[in-house]
Amino acid sequence: MNTKEKFQAHMKIHAKIQKWGNSLALRVGGAMREIPHLKEGTDVDIEITKDGFTVTKSKKKKHFPFKESDLIKGLSPETAHADLLATPQPNEVEQ
């Protein structure tokens, strides 16, 4: 059974939270080091609940090719066609 096959199923591992400098740490060792797609430097998200926490690999953030400031550079009410925007009616606006 290779590493990938081993980690497709649910796994439960006992570990101990230890002091590491001025912090507490949960070390990723033993079988947990073989988890596919997790290695040193991997960004993770930690979800905290009343019963503990869950660590998952962060999803890649989308990088857009343009910044908003570049897209609106030189934009004016005329070039944005502001005259074509509808005027909100009184019943559409929270008062």
N, C-alpha and C. Protein backbone atom coordinates (compact mmCIF):
# COMPACT_ATOMS: atom_id res chain seq x y z
N MET A 1 0.86 -1.18 0.00
CA MET A 1 0.00 0.00 0.00
C MET A 1 0.90 1.23 0.00
N ASN A 2 0.72 2.09 -0.99
CA ASN A 2 1.57 3.28 -1.03
C ASN A 2 0.98 4.38 -0.16
N THR A 3 1.73 5.45 0.01
CA THR A 3 1.32 6.55 0.91
C THR A 3 -0.02 7.13 0.50
N LYS A 4 -0.24 7.34 -0.79
CA LYS A 4 -1.49 7.94 -1.25
C LYS A 4 -2.68 7.06 -0.87
N GLU A 5 -2.57 5.75 -1.08
CA GLU A 5 -3.66 4.85 -0.73
C GLU A 5 -3.91 4.86 0.77
N LYS A 6 -2.86 4.93 1.56
CA LYS A 6 -2.97 4.88 3.01
C LYS A 6 -3.77 6.06 3.55
N PHE A 7 -3.69 7.23 2.93
CA PHE A 7 -4.31 8.42 3.48
C PHE A 7 -5.62 8.79 2.81
N GLN A 8 -6.19 7.93 1.98
CA GLN A 8 -7.50 8.21 1.43
C GLN A 8 -8.59 7.88 2.44
N ALA A 9 -8.26 7.10 3.44
CA ALA A 9 -9.22 6.73 4.48
C ALA A 9 -9.02 7.63 5.69
N HIS A 10 -9.98 7.59 6.58
CA HIS A 10 -9.92 8.37 7.82
C HIS A 10 -8.81 7.79 8.71
N MET A 11 -8.07 8.66 9.37
CA MET A 11 -7.00 8.20 10.25
C MET A 11 -7.07 8.99 11.55
N LYS A 12 -6.81 8.35 12.65
CA LYS A 12 -6.80 9.02 13.94
C LYS A 12 -5.45 8.74 14.59
N ILE A 13 -4.77 9.80 15.03
CA ILE A 13 -3.44 9.66 15.62
C ILE A 13 -3.43 10.38 16.96
N HIS A 14 -2.84 9.76 17.97
CA HIS A 14 -2.70 10.40 19.28
C HIS A 14 -1.42 11.23 19.28
N ALA A 15 -1.51 12.45 19.75
CA ALA A 15 -0.33 13.33 19.83
C ALA A 15 -0.45 14.16 21.09
N LYS A 16 0.62 14.83 21.45
CA LYS A 16 0.63 15.65 22.66
C LYS A 16 1.04 17.07 22.31
N ILE A 17 0.31 18.05 22.84
CA ILE A 17 0.67 19.45 22.66
C ILE A 17 1.80 19.74 23.64
N GLN A 18 2.88 20.32 23.13
CA GLN A 18 4.06 20.58 23.95
C GLN A 18 4.45 22.05 23.88
N LYS A 19 5.21 22.48 24.85
CA LYS A 19 5.73 23.84 24.86
C LYS A 19 6.88 23.93 23.86
N TRP A 20 6.88 25.00 23.08
CA TRP A 20 7.95 25.23 22.11
C TRP A 20 8.29 26.70 22.19
N GLY A 21 9.33 27.04 22.90
CA GLY A 21 9.66 28.44 23.18
C GLY A 21 8.59 29.01 24.08
N ASN A 22 8.00 30.13 23.70
CA ASN A 22 6.90 30.73 24.46
C ASN A 22 5.54 30.29 23.95
N SER A 23 5.50 29.34 23.03
CA SER A 23 4.25 28.92 22.41
C SER A 23 3.96 27.47 22.74
N LEU A 24 2.78 27.04 22.35
CA LEU A 24 2.43 25.63 22.39
C LEU A 24 2.49 25.11 20.97
N ALA A 25 2.88 23.85 20.81
CA ALA A 25 3.03 23.31 19.47
C ALA A 25 2.50 21.89 19.40
N LEU A 26 1.98 21.55 18.25
CA LEU A 26 1.59 20.18 17.95
C LEU A 26 2.49 19.76 16.80
N ARG A 27 3.40 18.87 17.06
CA ARG A 27 4.39 18.49 16.05
C ARG A 27 3.78 17.50 15.07
N VAL A 28 4.12 17.67 13.83
CA VAL A 28 3.67 16.76 12.78
C VAL A 28 4.80 15.77 12.54
N GLY A 29 4.66 14.59 13.07
CA GLY A 29 5.72 13.60 12.96
C GLY A 29 5.14 12.24 12.62
N GLY A 30 5.99 11.26 12.58
CA GLY A 30 5.55 9.89 12.30
C GLY A 30 4.76 9.80 11.01
N ALA A 31 3.64 9.09 11.08
CA ALA A 31 2.81 8.88 9.89
C ALA A 31 2.25 10.18 9.33
N MET A 32 2.06 11.18 10.18
CA MET A 32 1.50 12.45 9.69
C MET A 32 2.44 13.15 8.71
N ARG A 33 3.73 12.87 8.79
CA ARG A 33 4.68 13.49 7.85
C ARG A 33 4.47 12.98 6.44
N GLU A 34 3.78 11.87 6.28
CA GLU A 34 3.58 11.26 4.97
C GLU A 34 2.27 11.70 4.31
N ILE A 35 1.54 12.61 4.93
CA ILE A 35 0.27 13.05 4.35
C ILE A 35 0.54 13.72 3.01
N PRO A 36 -0.09 13.22 1.94
CA PRO A 36 0.16 13.82 0.62
C PRO A 36 -0.19 15.31 0.61
N HIS A 37 0.56 16.06 -0.10
CA HIS A 37 0.35 17.50 -0.33
C HIS A 37 0.65 18.36 0.89
N LEU A 38 1.13 17.81 1.98
CA LEU A 38 1.52 18.61 3.13
C LEU A 38 3.01 18.42 3.35
N LYS A 39 3.74 19.53 3.35
CA LYS A 39 5.18 19.47 3.58
C LYS A 39 5.60 20.76 4.27
N GLU A 40 6.83 20.86 4.62
CA GLU A 40 7.33 22.07 5.28
C GLU A 40 7.03 23.28 4.41
N GLY A 41 6.45 24.31 5.03
CA GLY A 41 6.13 25.53 4.32
C GLY A 41 4.72 25.57 3.74
N THR A 42 3.97 24.46 3.82
CA THR A 42 2.61 24.44 3.30
C THR A 42 1.72 25.34 4.15
N ASP A 43 0.93 26.21 3.51
CA ASP A 43 -0.03 27.04 4.24
C ASP A 43 -1.23 26.19 4.62
N VAL A 44 -1.67 26.33 5.87
CA VAL A 44 -2.83 25.59 6.35
C VAL A 44 -3.83 26.54 6.99
N ASP A 45 -5.08 26.10 7.04
CA ASP A 45 -6.13 26.82 7.75
C ASP A 45 -6.48 26.00 8.98
N ILE A 46 -6.73 26.67 10.09
CA ILE A 46 -7.08 26.00 11.34
C ILE A 46 -8.48 26.43 11.73
N GLU A 47 -9.39 25.47 11.80
CA GLU A 47 -10.77 25.75 12.20
C GLU A 47 -10.91 25.33 13.66
N ILE A 48 -11.29 26.28 14.49
CA ILE A 48 -11.40 26.02 15.93
C ILE A 48 -12.87 25.83 16.30
N THR A 49 -13.15 24.76 17.02
CA THR A 49 -14.50 24.48 17.49
C THR A 49 -14.46 24.27 19.00
N LYS A 50 -15.63 24.06 19.60
CA LYS A 50 -15.66 23.85 21.05
C LYS A 50 -14.96 22.55 21.44
N ASP A 51 -14.85 21.60 20.51
CA ASP A 51 -14.24 20.30 20.80
C ASP A 51 -12.75 20.22 20.46
N GLY A 52 -12.22 21.22 19.78
CA GLY A 52 -10.81 21.16 19.38
C GLY A 52 -10.57 21.98 18.13
N PHE A 53 -9.75 21.45 17.24
CA PHE A 53 -9.49 22.16 16.00
C PHE A 53 -9.19 21.17 14.87
N THR A 54 -9.38 21.66 13.65
CA THR A 54 -9.11 20.88 12.45
C THR A 54 -8.13 21.66 11.59
N VAL A 55 -7.12 21.00 11.08
CA VAL A 55 -6.12 21.64 10.22
C VAL A 55 -6.32 21.12 8.80
N THR A 56 -6.49 22.02 7.85
CA THR A 56 -6.62 21.64 6.45
C THR A 56 -5.70 22.49 5.59
N LYS A 57 -5.29 21.94 4.47
CA LYS A 57 -4.44 22.68 3.55
C LYS A 57 -5.22 23.86 3.00
N SER A 58 -4.59 25.03 2.97
CA SER A 58 -5.25 26.22 2.43
C SER A 58 -5.47 26.04 0.94
N LYS A 59 -6.61 26.53 0.49
CA LYS A 59 -6.88 26.53 -0.94
C LYS A 59 -6.10 27.68 -1.57
N LYS A 60 -5.62 27.46 -2.77
CA LYS A 60 -4.87 28.51 -3.45
C LYS A 60 -5.77 29.71 -3.69
N LYS A 61 -5.25 30.87 -3.39
CA LYS A 61 -6.00 32.09 -3.64
C LYS A 61 -5.84 32.45 -5.10
N LYS A 62 -6.92 32.95 -5.70
CA LYS A 62 -6.86 33.37 -7.09
C LYS A 62 -6.09 34.67 -7.20
N HIS A 63 -5.20 34.71 -8.14
CA HIS A 63 -4.45 35.93 -8.41
C HIS A 63 -4.95 36.51 -9.72
N PHE A 64 -5.49 37.69 -9.65
CA PHE A 64 -6.02 38.34 -10.83
C PHE A 64 -4.90 39.11 -11.53
N PRO A 65 -4.94 39.15 -12.85
CA PRO A 65 -3.84 39.79 -13.58
C PRO A 65 -3.82 41.31 -13.46
N PHE A 66 -4.92 41.92 -13.01
CA PHE A 66 -4.99 43.38 -12.92
C PHE A 66 -5.39 43.80 -11.52
N LYS A 67 -4.90 44.95 -11.10
CA LYS A 67 -5.34 45.54 -9.84
C LYS A 67 -6.53 46.43 -10.14
N GLU A 68 -7.41 46.60 -9.16
CA GLU A 68 -8.58 47.46 -9.35
C GLU A 68 -8.16 48.87 -9.75
N SER A 69 -7.11 49.38 -9.13
CA SER A 69 -6.66 50.74 -9.45
C SER A 69 -6.25 50.87 -10.91
N ASP A 70 -5.68 49.80 -11.50
CA ASP A 70 -5.32 49.84 -12.92
C ASP A 70 -6.56 49.85 -13.80
N LEU A 71 -7.59 49.10 -13.38
CA LEU A 71 -8.80 49.00 -14.19
C LEU A 71 -9.61 50.29 -14.22
N ILE A 72 -9.57 51.06 -13.12
CA ILE A 72 -10.38 52.28 -13.08
C ILE A 72 -9.58 53.54 -13.41
N LYS A 73 -8.31 53.37 -13.71
CA LYS A 73 -7.46 54.52 -14.07
C LYS A 73 -8.05 55.21 -15.31
N GLY A 74 -8.25 56.50 -15.21
CA GLY A 74 -8.78 57.27 -16.34
C GLY A 74 -10.29 57.16 -16.50
N LEU A 75 -10.94 56.48 -15.59
CA LEU A 75 -12.39 56.32 -15.68
C LEU A 75 -13.08 57.58 -15.19
N SER A 76 -14.06 58.03 -15.94
CA SER A 76 -14.85 59.21 -15.57
C SER A 76 -16.32 58.82 -15.68
N PRO A 77 -17.23 59.66 -15.18
CA PRO A 77 -18.66 59.35 -15.34
C PRO A 77 -19.04 59.15 -16.80
N GLU A 78 -18.41 59.90 -17.70
CA GLU A 78 -18.72 59.75 -19.13
C GLU A 78 -18.24 58.41 -19.67
N THR A 79 -16.98 58.07 -19.38
CA THR A 79 -16.46 56.81 -19.91
C THR A 79 -17.04 55.59 -19.20
N ALA A 80 -17.60 55.78 -18.02
CA ALA A 80 -18.24 54.69 -17.29
C ALA A 80 -19.72 54.58 -17.65
N HIS A 81 -20.19 55.49 -18.52
CA HIS A 81 -21.59 55.52 -18.95
C HIS A 81 -22.54 55.66 -17.76
N ALA A 82 -22.17 56.53 -16.83
CA ALA A 82 -22.98 56.77 -15.64
C ALA A 82 -24.37 57.27 -16.00
N ASP A 83 -24.51 57.92 -17.15
CA ASP A 83 -25.81 58.42 -17.58
C ASP A 83 -26.78 57.29 -17.91
N LEU A 84 -26.29 56.08 -18.09
CA LEU A 84 -27.14 54.95 -18.42
C LEU A 84 -27.62 54.18 -17.18
N LEU A 85 -27.11 54.55 -16.01
CA LEU A 85 -27.51 53.88 -14.78
C LEU A 85 -28.91 54.31 -14.37
N ALA A 86 -29.70 53.37 -13.91
CA ALA A 86 -31.06 53.68 -13.45
C ALA A 86 -31.00 54.37 -12.10
N THR A 87 -31.95 55.26 -11.87
CA THR A 87 -32.06 55.94 -10.58
C THR A 87 -32.89 55.05 -9.65
N PRO A 88 -32.40 54.75 -8.46
CA PRO A 88 -33.17 53.90 -7.53
C PRO A 88 -34.50 54.57 -7.15
N GLN A 89 -35.54 53.78 -7.07
CA GLN A 89 -36.85 54.26 -6.66
C GLN A 89 -36.91 54.26 -5.13
N PRO A 90 -37.77 55.11 -4.54
CA PRO A 90 -37.84 55.19 -3.07
C PRO A 90 -38.09 53.84 -2.39
N ASN A 91 -38.89 52.98 -2.99
CA ASN A 91 -39.17 51.68 -2.37
C ASN A 91 -38.01 50.70 -2.52
N GLU A 92 -36.97 51.05 -3.28
CA GLU A 92 -35.80 50.20 -3.46
C GLU A 92 -34.65 50.57 -2.52
N VAL A 93 -34.79 51.71 -1.86
CA VAL A 93 -33.72 52.21 -1.00
C VAL A 93 -34.16 52.12 0.45
N GLU A 94 -33.34 51.51 1.28
CA GLU A 94 -33.65 51.40 2.70
C GLU A 94 -33.54 52.78 3.34
N GLN A 95 -34.54 53.13 4.13
CA GLN A 95 -34.55 54.46 4.76
C GLN A 95 -34.37 54.38 6.24
